[in-house]
């Protein structure tokens, strides 16, 4: 599966990506940005520049990745969205499973 999160600085995105891979809760992470996010927070519409981190993991490791992101992230309510992979290269998916085996 892929898991998306965002943060407000490129360095923080690099820390989240590298930390998740080192913790073996993600096999790979890609950083894109900056992106512009528009959202409602505490009653006001906000606009902010953010960096997206797309992490690759397995369904079996999702709970560990979510817990890791929640602890490592500095947002009060970090965006953590998981999307299952409908299909993928068998070799790549086997690599993801090996790298996140713990």
PDB file of N, CA and C in Angstrom:
ATOM      1  N   UNK A   1       0.839  -1.173   0.000  1.00  0.00           N
ATOM      2  CA  UNK A   1       0.000   0.000   0.000  1.00  0.00           C
ATOM      3  C   UNK A   1       0.879   1.229   0.000  1.00  0.00           C
ATOM      4  N   UNK A   2       0.289   2.343  -0.367  1.00  0.00           N
ATOM      5  CA  UNK A   2       0.983   3.620  -0.289  1.00  0.00           C
ATOM      6  C   UNK A   2       0.332   4.437   0.819  1.00  0.00           C
ATOM      7  N   UNK A   3       1.142   5.210   1.502  1.00  0.00           N
ATOM      8  CA  UNK A   3       0.669   6.037   2.604  1.00  0.00           C
ATOM      9  C   UNK A   3       1.192   7.451   2.366  1.00  0.00           C
ATOM     10  N   UNK A   4       0.297   8.410   2.409  1.00  0.00           N
ATOM     11  CA  UNK A   4       0.630   9.807   2.159  1.00  0.00           C
ATOM     12  C   UNK A   4       0.590  10.593   3.456  1.00  0.00           C
ATOM     13  N   UNK A   5       1.598  11.439   3.642  1.00  0.00           N
ATOM     14  CA  UNK A   5       1.580  12.420   4.708  1.00  0.00           C
ATOM     15  C   UNK A   5       2.162  13.712   4.152  1.00  0.00           C
ATOM     16  N   UNK A   6       1.969  14.802   4.869  1.00  0.00           N
ATOM     17  CA  UNK A   6       2.524  16.095   4.470  1.00  0.00           C
ATOM     18  C   UNK A   6       3.172  16.754   5.676  1.00  0.00           C
ATOM     19  N   UNK A   7       4.076  17.681   5.390  1.00  0.00           N
ATOM     20  CA  UNK A   7       4.707  18.463   6.445  1.00  0.00           C
ATOM     21  C   UNK A   7       5.084  19.825   5.881  1.00  0.00           C
ATOM     22  N   UNK A   8       5.441  20.749   6.742  1.00  0.00           N
ATOM     23  CA  UNK A   8       5.619  22.138   6.314  1.00  0.00           C
ATOM     24  C   UNK A   8       7.036  22.538   5.932  1.00  0.00           C
ATOM     25  N   UNK A   9       7.964  21.599   5.880  1.00  0.00           N
ATOM     26  CA  UNK A   9       9.334  21.940   5.495  1.00  0.00           C
ATOM     27  C   UNK A   9      10.005  20.744   4.827  1.00  0.00           C
ATOM     28  N   UNK A  10      10.837  21.040   3.837  1.00  0.00           N
ATOM     29  CA  UNK A  10      11.511  19.957   3.121  1.00  0.00           C
ATOM     30  C   UNK A  10      12.370  19.108   4.050  1.00  0.00           C
ATOM     31  N   UNK A  11      13.065  19.736   4.979  1.00  0.00           N
ATOM     32  CA  UNK A  11      13.892  18.983   5.917  1.00  0.00           C
ATOM     33  C   UNK A  11      13.083  18.030   6.770  1.00  0.00           C
ATOM     34  N   UNK A  12      11.910  18.476   7.192  1.00  0.00           N
ATOM     35  CA  UNK A  12      11.028  17.601   7.969  1.00  0.00           C
ATOM     36  C   UNK A  12      10.553  16.432   7.117  1.00  0.00           C
ATOM     37  N   UNK A  13      10.265  16.687   5.842  1.00  0.00           N
ATOM     38  CA  UNK A  13       9.850  15.608   4.932  1.00  0.00           C
ATOM     39  C   UNK A  13      10.972  14.585   4.798  1.00  0.00           C
ATOM     40  N   UNK A  14      12.203  15.061   4.650  1.00  0.00           N
ATOM     41  CA  UNK A  14      13.353  14.150   4.552  1.00  0.00           C
ATOM     42  C   UNK A  14      13.511  13.332   5.840  1.00  0.00           C
ATOM     43  N   UNK A  15      13.312  13.978   6.989  1.00  0.00           N
ATOM     44  CA  UNK A  15      13.410  13.260   8.267  1.00  0.00           C
ATOM     45  C   UNK A  15      12.338  12.184   8.381  1.00  0.00           C
ATOM     46  N   UNK A  16      11.101  12.510   8.003  1.00  0.00           N
ATOM     47  CA  UNK A  16      10.022  11.522   8.057  1.00  0.00           C
ATOM     48  C   UNK A  16      10.302  10.364   7.103  1.00  0.00           C
ATOM     49  N   UNK A  17      10.724  10.682   5.886  1.00  0.00           N
ATOM     50  CA  UNK A  17      10.995   9.643   4.887  1.00  0.00           C
ATOM     51  C   UNK A  17      12.127   8.728   5.351  1.00  0.00           C
ATOM     52  N   UNK A  18      13.241   9.329   5.710  1.00  0.00           N
ATOM     53  CA  UNK A  18      14.388   8.529   6.130  1.00  0.00           C
ATOM     54  C   UNK A  18      14.135   7.751   7.403  1.00  0.00           C
ATOM     55  N   UNK A  19      13.457   8.370   8.341  1.00  0.00           N
ATOM     56  CA  UNK A  19      13.167   7.684   9.599  1.00  0.00           C
ATOM     57  C   UNK A  19      12.265   6.484   9.416  1.00  0.00           C
ATOM     58  N   UNK A  20      11.260   6.609   8.565  1.00  0.00           N
ATOM     59  CA  UNK A  20      10.345   5.489   8.323  1.00  0.00           C
ATOM     60  C   UNK A  20      11.063   4.334   7.640  1.00  0.00           C
ATOM     61  N   UNK A  21      11.940   4.653   6.704  1.00  0.00           N
ATOM     62  CA  UNK A  21      12.704   3.592   6.024  1.00  0.00           C
ATOM     63  C   UNK A  21      13.678   2.948   7.014  1.00  0.00           C
ATOM     64  N   UNK A  22      14.389   3.750   7.806  1.00  0.00           N
ATOM     65  CA  UNK A  22      15.312   3.181   8.798  1.00  0.00           C
ATOM     66  C   UNK A  22      14.574   2.308   9.813  1.00  0.00           C
ATOM     67  N   UNK A  23      13.352   2.696  10.180  1.00  0.00           N
ATOM     68  CA  UNK A  23      12.558   1.917  11.144  1.00  0.00           C
ATOM     69  C   UNK A  23      11.918   0.684  10.508  1.00  0.00           C
ATOM     70  N   UNK A  24      12.077   0.542   9.194  1.00  0.00           N
ATOM     71  CA  UNK A  24      11.544  -0.597   8.429  1.00  0.00           C
ATOM     72  C   UNK A  24      10.014  -0.661   8.445  1.00  0.00           C
ATOM     73  N   UNK A  25       9.376   0.493   8.643  1.00  0.00           N
ATOM     74  CA  UNK A  25       7.923   0.547   8.518  1.00  0.00           C
ATOM     75  C   UNK A  25       7.525   0.985   7.112  1.00  0.00           C
ATOM     76  N   UNK A  26       8.502   1.415   6.324  1.00  0.00           N
ATOM     77  CA  UNK A  26       8.319   1.724   4.909  1.00  0.00           C
ATOM     78  C   UNK A  26       9.550   1.233   4.162  1.00  0.00           C
ATOM     79  N   UNK A  27       9.344   0.728   2.955  1.00  0.00           N
ATOM     80  CA  UNK A  27      10.467   0.261   2.146  1.00  0.00           C
ATOM     81  C   UNK A  27      11.094   1.405   1.370  1.00  0.00           C
ATOM     82  N   UNK A  28      10.291   2.404   1.064  1.00  0.00           N
ATOM     83  CA  UNK A  28      10.707   3.491   0.197  1.00  0.00           C
ATOM     84  C   UNK A  28       9.822   4.689   0.507  1.00  0.00           C
ATOM     85  N   UNK A  29      10.352   5.875   0.293  1.00  0.00           N
ATOM     86  CA  UNK A  29       9.555   7.088   0.455  1.00  0.00           C
ATOM     87  C   UNK A  29       9.971   8.082  -0.619  1.00  0.00           C
ATOM     88  N   UNK A  30       9.001   8.750  -1.182  1.00  0.00           N
ATOM     89  CA  UNK A  30       9.262   9.779  -2.180  1.00  0.00           C
ATOM     90  C   UNK A  30       8.727  11.102  -1.667  1.00  0.00           C
ATOM     91  N   UNK A  31       9.496  12.142  -1.899  1.00  0.00           N
ATOM     92  CA  UNK A  31       9.131  13.482  -1.442  1.00  0.00           C
ATOM     93  C   UNK A  31       8.854  14.352  -2.660  1.00  0.00           C
ATOM     94  N   UNK A  32       7.721  15.032  -2.632  1.00  0.00           N
ATOM     95  CA  UNK A  32       7.405  15.999  -3.677  1.00  0.00           C
ATOM     96  C   UNK A  32       7.014  17.311  -3.016  1.00  0.00           C
ATOM     97  N   UNK A  33       7.284  18.377  -3.728  1.00  0.00           N
ATOM     98  CA  UNK A  33       6.877  19.659  -3.192  1.00  0.00           C
ATOM     99  C   UNK A  33       7.786  20.757  -3.686  1.00  0.00           C
ATOM    100  N   UNK A  34       7.466  21.927  -3.330  1.00  0.00           N
ATOM    101  CA  UNK A  34       6.326  22.235  -2.461  1.00  0.00           C
ATOM    102  C   UNK A  34       4.992  22.128  -3.194  1.00  0.00           C
ATOM    103  N   UNK A  35       3.962  21.861  -2.430  1.00  0.00           N
ATOM    104  CA  UNK A  35       2.587  21.866  -2.909  1.00  0.00           C
ATOM    105  C   UNK A  35       1.831  22.893  -2.083  1.00  0.00           C
ATOM    106  N   UNK A  36       0.744  23.389  -2.614  1.00  0.00           N
ATOM    107  CA  UNK A  36      -0.087  24.329  -1.877  1.00  0.00           C
ATOM    108  C   UNK A  36      -1.286  23.593  -1.320  1.00  0.00           C
ATOM    109  N   UNK A  37      -1.469  23.658  -0.029  1.00  0.00           N
ATOM    110  CA  UNK A  37      -2.606  23.028   0.638  1.00  0.00           C
ATOM    111  C   UNK A  37      -3.571  24.107   1.104  1.00  0.00           C
ATOM    112  N   UNK A  38      -4.851  23.892   0.854  1.00  0.00           N
ATOM    113  CA  UNK A  38      -5.910  24.781   1.332  1.00  0.00           C
ATOM    114  C   UNK A  38      -6.827  23.925   2.187  1.00  0.00           C
ATOM    115  N   UNK A  39      -7.082  24.370   3.426  1.00  0.00           N
ATOM    116  CA  UNK A  39      -7.834  23.543   4.368  1.00  0.00           C
ATOM    117  C   UNK A  39      -8.456  24.421   5.439  1.00  0.00           C
ATOM    118  N   UNK A  40      -9.432  23.862   6.122  1.00  0.00           N
ATOM    119  CA  UNK A  40     -10.040  24.560   7.250  1.00  0.00           C
ATOM    120  C   UNK A  40      -9.390  24.022   8.523  1.00  0.00           C
ATOM    121  N   UNK A  41      -8.923  24.934   9.384  1.00  0.00           N
ATOM    122  CA  UNK A  41      -8.303  24.543  10.649  1.00  0.00           C
ATOM    123  C   UNK A  41      -8.746  25.517  11.722  1.00  0.00           C
ATOM    124  N   UNK A  42      -9.340  24.975  12.775  1.00  0.00           N
ATOM    125  CA  UNK A  42      -9.813  25.755  13.914  1.00  0.00           C
ATOM    126  C   UNK A  42     -10.694  26.917  13.471  1.00  0.00           C
ATOM    127  N   UNK A  43     -11.606  26.629  12.515  1.00  0.00           N
ATOM    128  CA  UNK A  43     -12.611  27.585  12.085  1.00  0.00           C
ATOM    129  C   UNK A  43     -12.191  28.553  10.996  1.00  0.00           C
ATOM    130  N   UNK A  44     -10.944  28.508  10.561  1.00  0.00           N
ATOM    131  CA  UNK A  44     -10.476  29.433   9.527  1.00  0.00           C
ATOM    132  C   UNK A  44      -9.947  28.655   8.324  1.00  0.00           C
ATOM    133  N   UNK A  45     -10.112  29.229   7.143  1.00  0.00           N
ATOM    134  CA  UNK A  45      -9.546  28.626   5.948  1.00  0.00           C
ATOM    135  C   UNK A  45      -8.086  29.068   5.859  1.00  0.00           C
ATOM    136  N   UNK A  46      -7.202  28.106   5.774  1.00  0.00           N
ATOM    137  CA  UNK A  46      -5.762  28.345   5.744  1.00  0.00           C
ATOM    138  C   UNK A  46      -5.203  27.933   4.389  1.00  0.00           C
ATOM    139  N   UNK A  47      -4.128  28.555   3.987  1.00  0.00           N
ATOM    140  CA  UNK A  47      -3.360  28.166   2.809  1.00  0.00           C
ATOM    141  C   UNK A  47      -1.912  28.044   3.249  1.00  0.00           C
ATOM    142  N   UNK A  48      -1.281  26.919   2.918  1.00  0.00           N
ATOM    143  CA  UNK A  48       0.089  26.690   3.372  1.00  0.00           C
ATOM    144  C   UNK A  48       0.880  25.943   2.305  1.00  0.00           C
ATOM    145  N   UNK A  49       2.177  26.158   2.323  1.00  0.00           N
ATOM    146  CA  UNK A  49       3.081  25.411   1.473  1.00  0.00           C
ATOM    147  C   UNK A  49       3.523  24.175   2.254  1.00  0.00           C
ATOM    148  N   UNK A  50       3.422  23.009   1.615  1.00  0.00           N
ATOM    149  CA  UNK A  50       3.792  21.766   2.280  1.00  0.00           C
ATOM    150  C   UNK A  50       4.578  20.879   1.325  1.00  0.00           C
ATOM    151  N   UNK A  51       5.202  19.860   1.888  1.00  0.00           N
ATOM    152  CA  UNK A  51       5.874  18.814   1.125  1.00  0.00           C
ATOM    153  C   UNK A  51       5.143  17.513   1.402  1.00  0.00           C
ATOM    154  N   UNK A  52       4.912  16.738   0.351  1.00  0.00           N
ATOM    155  CA  UNK A  52       4.243  15.454   0.470  1.00  0.00           C
ATOM    156  C   UNK A  52       5.278  14.334   0.580  1.00  0.00           C
ATOM    157  N   UNK A  53       4.993  13.373   1.414  1.00  0.00           N
ATOM    158  CA  UNK A  53       5.829  12.192   1.543  1.00  0.00           C
ATOM    159  C   UNK A  53       4.937  10.989   1.237  1.00  0.00           C
ATOM    160  N   UNK A  54       5.297  10.244   0.204  1.00  0.00           N
ATOM    161  CA  UNK A  54       4.563   9.047  -0.201  1.00  0.00           C
ATOM    162  C   UNK A  54       5.399   7.840   0.185  1.00  0.00           C
ATOM    163  N   UNK A  55       4.871   7.047   1.098  1.00  0.00           N
ATOM    164  CA  UNK A  55       5.604   5.906   1.644  1.00  0.00           C
ATOM    165  C   UNK A  55       5.025   4.599   1.111  1.00  0.00           C
ATOM    166  N   UNK A  56       5.884   3.630   0.836  1.00  0.00           N
ATOM    167  CA  UNK A  56       5.450   2.313   0.371  1.00  0.00           C
ATOM    168  C   UNK A  56       5.633   1.315   1.504  1.00  0.00           C
ATOM    169  N   UNK A  57       4.567   0.581   1.822  1.00  0.00           N
ATOM    170  CA  UNK A  57       4.615  -0.410   2.887  1.00  0.00           C
ATOM    171  C   UNK A  57       3.648  -1.537   2.557  1.00  0.00           C
ATOM    172  N   UNK A  58       3.497  -2.469   3.466  1.00  0.00           N
ATOM    173  CA  UNK A  58       2.529  -3.557   3.294  1.00  0.00           C
ATOM    174  C   UNK A  58       1.341  -3.316   4.227  1.00  0.00           C
ATOM    175  N   UNK A  59       0.241  -3.963   3.925  1.00  0.00           N
ATOM    176  CA  UNK A  59      -0.934  -3.854   4.792  1.00  0.00           C
ATOM    177  C   UNK A  59      -0.605  -4.342   6.201  1.00  0.00           C
ATOM    178  N   UNK A  60       0.233  -5.364   6.287  1.00  0.00           N
ATOM    179  CA  UNK A  60       0.608  -5.908   7.592  1.00  0.00           C
ATOM    180  C   UNK A  60       1.413  -4.907   8.425  1.00  0.00           C
ATOM    181  N   UNK A  61       2.127  -3.984   7.775  1.00  0.00           N
ATOM    182  CA  UNK A  61       2.955  -3.021   8.494  1.00  0.00           C
ATOM    183  C   UNK A  61       2.302  -1.648   8.632  1.00  0.00           C
ATOM    184  N   UNK A  62       1.062  -1.496   8.107  1.00  0.00           N
ATOM    185  CA  UNK A  62       0.410  -0.195   8.153  1.00  0.00           C
ATOM    186  C   UNK A  62       0.278   0.338   9.584  1.00  0.00           C
ATOM    187  N   UNK A  63      -0.201  -0.470  10.502  1.00  0.00           N
ATOM    188  CA  UNK A  63      -0.406   0.011  11.876  1.00  0.00           C
ATOM    189  C   UNK A  63       0.899   0.518  12.481  1.00  0.00           C
ATOM    190  N   UNK A  64       1.992  -0.189  12.222  1.00  0.00           N
ATOM    191  CA  UNK A  64       3.292   0.240  12.739  1.00  0.00           C
ATOM    192  C   UNK A  64       3.728   1.552  12.094  1.00  0.00           C
ATOM    193  N   UNK A  65       3.489   1.698  10.792  1.00  0.00           N
ATOM    194  CA  UNK A  65       3.836   2.940  10.111  1.00  0.00           C
ATOM    195  C   UNK A  65       2.990   4.098  10.633  1.00  0.00           C
ATOM    196  N   UNK A  66       1.691   3.881  10.790  1.00  0.00           N
ATOM    197  CA  UNK A  66       0.833   4.941  11.319  1.00  0.00           C
ATOM    198  C   UNK A  66       1.282   5.367  12.716  1.00  0.00           C
ATOM    199  N   UNK A  67       1.579   4.401  13.566  1.00  0.00           N
ATOM    200  CA  UNK A  67       2.038   4.721  14.920  1.00  0.00           C
ATOM    201  C   UNK A  67       3.355   5.484  14.867  1.00  0.00           C
ATOM    202  N   UNK A  68       4.268   5.074  13.983  1.00  0.00           N
ATOM    203  CA  UNK A  68       5.556   5.745  13.861  1.00  0.00           C
ATOM    204  C   UNK A  68       5.369   7.182  13.386  1.00  0.00           C
ATOM    205  N   UNK A  69       4.540   7.375  12.346  1.00  0.00           N
ATOM    206  CA  UNK A  69       4.291   8.722  11.832  1.00  0.00           C
ATOM    207  C   UNK A  69       3.641   9.617  12.882  1.00  0.00           C
ATOM    208  N   UNK A  70       2.680   9.079  13.609  1.00  0.00           N
ATOM    209  CA  UNK A  70       1.993   9.858  14.641  1.00  0.00           C
ATOM    210  C   UNK A  70       2.979  10.330  15.702  1.00  0.00           C
ATOM    211  N   UNK A  71       3.914   9.480  16.070  1.00  0.00           N
ATOM    212  CA  UNK A  71       4.919   9.835  17.077  1.00  0.00           C
ATOM    213  C   UNK A  71       5.963  10.804  16.523  1.00  0.00           C
ATOM    214  N   UNK A  72       6.406  10.592  15.289  1.00  0.00           N
ATOM    215  CA  UNK A  72       7.505  11.375  14.718  1.00  0.00           C
ATOM    216  C   UNK A  72       7.063  12.727  14.172  1.00  0.00           C
ATOM    217  N   UNK A  73       5.796  12.840  13.806  1.00  0.00           N
ATOM    218  CA  UNK A  73       5.301  14.051  13.141  1.00  0.00           C
ATOM    219  C   UNK A  73       5.070  15.163  14.153  1.00  0.00           C
ATOM    220  N   UNK A  74       5.309  16.413  13.738  1.00  0.00           N
ATOM    221  CA  UNK A  74       5.100  17.527  14.666  1.00  0.00           C
ATOM    222  C   UNK A  74       3.736  18.198  14.518  1.00  0.00           C
ATOM    223  N   UNK A  75       2.900  17.755  13.580  1.00  0.00           N
ATOM    224  CA  UNK A  75       1.545  18.303  13.461  1.00  0.00           C
ATOM    225  C   UNK A  75       0.663  17.709  14.555  1.00  0.00           C
ATOM    226  N   UNK A  76      -0.303  18.501  15.045  1.00  0.00           N
ATOM    227  CA  UNK A  76      -1.279  17.983  16.013  1.00  0.00           C
ATOM    228  C   UNK A  76      -2.101  16.855  15.402  1.00  0.00           C
ATOM    229  N   UNK A  77      -2.527  17.042  14.157  1.00  0.00           N
ATOM    230  CA  UNK A  77      -3.324  16.050  13.437  1.00  0.00           C
ATOM    231  C   UNK A  77      -2.689  15.836  12.059  1.00  0.00           C
ATOM    232  N   UNK A  78      -1.659  14.992  11.988  1.00  0.00           N
ATOM    233  CA  UNK A  78      -0.999  14.815  10.695  1.00  0.00           C
ATOM    234  C   UNK A  78      -1.889  14.082   9.699  1.00  0.00           C
ATOM    235  N   UNK A  79      -1.737  14.476   8.453  1.00  0.00           N
ATOM    236  CA  UNK A  79      -2.413  13.751   7.379  1.00  0.00           C
ATOM    237  C   UNK A  79      -1.731  12.398   7.241  1.00  0.00           C
ATOM    238  N   UNK A  80      -2.499  11.329   7.386  1.00  0.00           N
ATOM    239  CA  UNK A  80      -2.003   9.968   7.167  1.00  0.00           C
ATOM    240  C   UNK A  80      -3.114   9.252   6.409  1.00  0.00           C
ATOM    241  N   UNK A  81      -2.901   9.067   5.107  1.00  0.00           N
ATOM    242  CA  UNK A  81      -3.918   8.459   4.242  1.00  0.00           C
ATOM    243  C   UNK A  81      -3.311   7.248   3.559  1.00  0.00           C
ATOM    244  N   UNK A  82      -3.951   6.106   3.684  1.00  0.00           N
ATOM    245  CA  UNK A  82      -3.451   4.876   3.074  1.00  0.00           C
ATOM    246  C   UNK A  82      -4.315   4.490   1.881  1.00  0.00           C
ATOM    247  N   UNK A  83      -3.646   4.043   0.835  1.00  0.00           N
ATOM    248  CA  UNK A  83      -4.330   3.573  -0.368  1.00  0.00           C
ATOM    249  C   UNK A  83      -3.799   2.183  -0.702  1.00  0.00           C
ATOM    250  N   UNK A  84      -4.688   1.193  -0.785  1.00  0.00           N
ATOM    251  CA  UNK A  84      -4.208  -0.143  -1.149  1.00  0.00           C
ATOM    252  C   UNK A  84      -3.769  -0.178  -2.618  1.00  0.00           C
ATOM    253  N   UNK A  85      -2.799  -1.019  -2.916  1.00  0.00           N
ATOM    254  CA  UNK A  85      -2.355  -1.202  -4.297  1.00  0.00           C
ATOM    255  C   UNK A  85      -3.211  -2.285  -4.937  1.00  0.00           C
ATOM    256  N   UNK A  86      -3.870  -1.939  -6.021  1.00  0.00           N
ATOM    257  CA  UNK A  86      -4.695  -2.916  -6.724  1.00  0.00           C
ATOM    258  C   UNK A  86      -3.824  -3.934  -7.455  1.00  0.00           C
ATOM    259  N   UNK A  87      -2.725  -3.467  -8.004  1.00  0.00           N
ATOM    260  CA  UNK A  87      -1.806  -4.334  -8.736  1.00  0.00           C
ATOM    261  C   UNK A  87      -0.412  -3.747  -8.633  1.00  0.00           C
ATOM    262  N   UNK A  88       0.560  -4.566  -8.957  1.00  0.00           N
ATOM    263  CA  UNK A  88       1.945  -4.104  -8.973  1.00  0.00           C
ATOM    264  C   UNK A  88       2.862  -5.213  -9.416  1.00  0.00           C
ATOM    265  N   UNK A  89       4.053  -4.841  -9.773  1.00  0.00           N
ATOM    266  CA  UNK A  89       5.064  -5.811 -10.160  1.00  0.00           C
ATOM    267  C   UNK A  89       5.325  -6.765  -8.994  1.00  0.00           C
ATOM    268  N   UNK A  90       5.257  -8.046  -9.253  1.00  0.00           N
ATOM    269  CA  UNK A  90       5.476  -9.039  -8.199  1.00  0.00           C
ATOM    270  C   UNK A  90       6.845  -8.846  -7.556  1.00  0.00           C
ATOM    271  N   UNK A  91       7.861  -8.592  -8.368  1.00  0.00           N
ATOM    272  CA  UNK A  91       9.211  -8.414  -7.836  1.00  0.00           C
ATOM    273  C   UNK A  91       9.275  -7.189  -6.919  1.00  0.00           C
ATOM    274  N   UNK A  92       8.635  -6.095  -7.314  1.00  0.00           N
ATOM    275  CA  UNK A  92       8.648  -4.885  -6.495  1.00  0.00           C
ATOM    276  C   UNK A  92       7.899  -5.114  -5.189  1.00  0.00           C
ATOM    277  N   UNK A  93       6.727  -5.723  -5.261  1.00  0.00           N
ATOM    278  CA  UNK A  93       5.932  -5.956  -4.056  1.00  0.00           C
ATOM    279  C   UNK A  93       6.646  -6.909  -3.103  1.00  0.00           C
ATOM    280  N   UNK A  94       7.367  -7.904  -3.640  1.00  0.00           N
ATOM    281  CA  UNK A  94       8.160  -8.803  -2.794  1.00  0.00           C
ATOM    282  C   UNK A  94       9.280  -8.018  -2.102  1.00  0.00           C
ATOM    283  N   UNK A  95       9.889  -7.065  -2.826  1.00  0.00           N
ATOM    284  CA  UNK A  95      10.940  -6.228  -2.236  1.00  0.00           C
ATOM    285  C   UNK A  95      10.370  -5.389  -1.098  1.00  0.00           C
ATOM    286  N   UNK A  96       9.200  -4.784  -1.313  1.00  0.00           N
ATOM    287  CA  UNK A  96       8.555  -3.997  -0.253  1.00  0.00           C
ATOM    288  C   UNK A  96       8.319  -4.873   0.975  1.00  0.00           C
ATOM    289  N   UNK A  97       7.824  -6.073   0.757  1.00  0.00           N
ATOM    290  CA  UNK A  97       7.574  -6.986   1.882  1.00  0.00           C
ATOM    291  C   UNK A  97       8.867  -7.338   2.620  1.00  0.00           C
ATOM    292  N   UNK A  98       9.942  -7.616   1.886  1.00  0.00           N
ATOM    293  CA  UNK A  98      11.234  -7.935   2.524  1.00  0.00           C
ATOM    294  C   UNK A  98      11.764  -6.759   3.328  1.00  0.00           C
ATOM    295  N   UNK A  99      11.686  -5.557   2.753  1.00  0.00           N
ATOM    296  CA  UNK A  99      12.263  -4.381   3.402  1.00  0.00           C
ATOM    297  C   UNK A  99      11.477  -3.922   4.633  1.00  0.00           C
ATOM    298  N   UNK A 100      10.226  -4.308   4.738  1.00  0.00           N
ATOM    299  CA  UNK A 100       9.410  -3.897   5.881  1.00  0.00           C
ATOM    300  C   UNK A 100       9.142  -5.056   6.842  1.00  0.00           C
ATOM    301  N   UNK A 101       9.854  -6.152   6.665  1.00  0.00           N
ATOM    302  CA  UNK A 101       9.617  -7.339   7.482  1.00  0.00           C
ATOM    303  C   UNK A 101       9.958  -7.115   8.949  1.00  0.00           C
ATOM    304  N   UNK A 102      10.597  -6.015   9.253  1.00  0.00           N
ATOM    305  CA  UNK A 102      10.878  -5.694  10.646  1.00  0.00           C
ATOM    306  C   UNK A 102      12.240  -6.147  11.014  1.00  0.00           C
TER     307      UNK A 102
END
